[in-house]
Amino acid sequence: MKRQAVTYFRSESEILNPNDWDGCLDRANTERAEDARPELIPTDLDIASYDTIFLGYPIW
């Protein structure tokens, strides 16, 4: 089996997370209550060129 190259990519919100727990919790609760979908920082990554994509994310 041929070994495939691995590309790591981190998508990030245009709005920075607070550095403290209470600030993160407040932001998460507000976004959940508003069903918010914050904008992500644009990238030139072409996901169409990949056969398999694994997605990982934090569980708030």
C-alpha atoms as a PDB file:
ATOM      1  CA  MET A   1       0.000   0.000   0.000  1.00  0.00           C
ATOM      2  CA  LYS A   2       1.391   3.376  -1.021  1.00  0.00           C
ATOM      3  CA  ARG A   3       1.752   5.869   1.801  1.00  0.00           C
ATOM      4  CA  GLN A   4      -0.091   9.135   1.191  1.00  0.00           C
ATOM      5  CA  ALA A   5       1.142  12.586   2.105  1.00  0.00           C
ATOM      6  CA  VAL A   6      -0.685  14.220   4.992  1.00  0.00           C
ATOM      7  CA  THR A   7      -1.644  17.873   5.013  1.00  0.00           C
ATOM      8  CA  TYR A   8      -2.665  19.541   8.239  1.00  0.00           C
ATOM      9  CA  PHE A   9      -4.863  22.576   8.012  1.00  0.00           C
ATOM     10  CA  ARG A  10      -6.318  24.692  10.766  1.00  0.00           C
ATOM     11  CA  SER A  11      -9.421  26.731  10.038  1.00  0.00           C
ATOM     12  CA  GLU A  12      -9.829  29.737  12.275  1.00  0.00           C
ATOM     13  CA  SER A  13     -12.603  32.184  13.003  1.00  0.00           C
ATOM     14  CA  GLU A  14     -12.108  35.823  12.092  1.00  0.00           C
ATOM     15  CA  ILE A  15     -13.074  36.618  15.706  1.00  0.00           C
ATOM     16  CA  LEU A  16     -10.377  35.639  18.197  1.00  0.00           C
ATOM     17  CA  ASN A  17     -11.370  33.573  21.209  1.00  0.00           C
ATOM     18  CA  PRO A  18     -11.014  35.188  24.638  1.00  0.00           C
ATOM     19  CA  ASN A  19      -7.994  34.033  26.643  1.00  0.00           C
ATOM     20  CA  ASP A  20      -9.950  33.238  29.800  1.00  0.00           C
ATOM     21  CA  TRP A  21     -12.408  30.428  30.554  1.00  0.00           C
ATOM     22  CA  ASP A  22     -15.341  32.692  31.444  1.00  0.00           C
ATOM     23  CA  GLY A  23     -14.910  34.712  28.260  1.00  0.00           C
ATOM     24  CA  CYS A  24     -14.837  31.540  26.129  1.00  0.00           C
ATOM     25  CA  LEU A  25     -17.898  30.201  27.922  1.00  0.00           C
ATOM     26  CA  ASP A  26     -19.818  33.457  27.421  1.00  0.00           C
ATOM     27  CA  ARG A  27     -18.944  33.534  23.722  1.00  0.00           C
ATOM     28  CA  ALA A  28     -19.898  29.878  23.221  1.00  0.00           C
ATOM     29  CA  ASN A  29     -23.246  30.372  24.969  1.00  0.00           C
ATOM     30  CA  THR A  30     -24.013  33.501  22.942  1.00  0.00           C
ATOM     31  CA  GLU A  31     -23.133  31.815  19.636  1.00  0.00           C
ATOM     32  CA  ARG A  32     -25.210  28.766  20.509  1.00  0.00           C
ATOM     33  CA  ALA A  33     -28.218  30.886  21.556  1.00  0.00           C
ATOM     34  CA  GLU A  34     -28.016  32.901  18.331  1.00  0.00           C
ATOM     35  CA  ASP A  35     -27.299  29.824  16.163  1.00  0.00           C
ATOM     36  CA  ALA A  36     -24.239  31.787  15.031  1.00  0.00           C
ATOM     37  CA  ARG A  37     -21.863  30.686  12.290  1.00  0.00           C
ATOM     38  CA  PRO A  38     -18.808  32.947  12.621  1.00  0.00           C
ATOM     39  CA  GLU A  39     -16.903  33.773   9.447  1.00  0.00           C
ATOM     40  CA  LEU A  40     -13.680  31.849   8.885  1.00  0.00           C
ATOM     41  CA  ILE A  41     -10.391  33.345   7.773  1.00  0.00           C
ATOM     42  CA  PRO A  42     -10.221  32.853   3.980  1.00  0.00           C
ATOM     43  CA  THR A  43      -7.694  30.364   2.621  1.00  0.00           C
ATOM     44  CA  ASP A  44      -6.455  29.172  -0.746  1.00  0.00           C
ATOM     45  CA  LEU A  45      -6.662  25.483   0.220  1.00  0.00           C
ATOM     46  CA  ASP A  46      -8.285  23.477  -2.601  1.00  0.00           C
ATOM     47  CA  ILE A  47     -10.189  20.695  -0.824  1.00  0.00           C
ATOM     48  CA  ALA A  48     -11.393  19.297  -4.147  1.00  0.00           C
ATOM     49  CA  SER A  49      -7.909  17.917  -4.733  1.00  0.00           C
ATOM     50  CA  TYR A  50      -8.157  15.532  -1.739  1.00  0.00           C
ATOM     51  CA  ASP A  51      -9.642  12.034  -1.789  1.00  0.00           C
ATOM     52  CA  THR A  52     -10.145  11.803   1.976  1.00  0.00           C
ATOM     53  CA  ILE A  53     -10.606  14.529   4.557  1.00  0.00           C
ATOM     54  CA  PHE A  54     -10.688  13.972   8.317  1.00  0.00           C
ATOM     55  CA  LEU A  55     -12.322  16.716  10.309  1.00  0.00           C
ATOM     56  CA  GLY A  56     -11.603  17.310  13.980  1.00  0.00           C
ATOM     57  CA  TYR A  57     -13.019  20.049  16.154  1.00  0.00           C
ATOM     58  CA  PRO A  58     -13.494  21.020  19.793  1.00  0.00           C
ATOM     59  CA  ILE A  59     -16.714  20.074  21.506  1.00  0.00           C
ATOM     60  CA  TRP A  60     -18.001  23.115  23.342  1.00  0.00           C
END
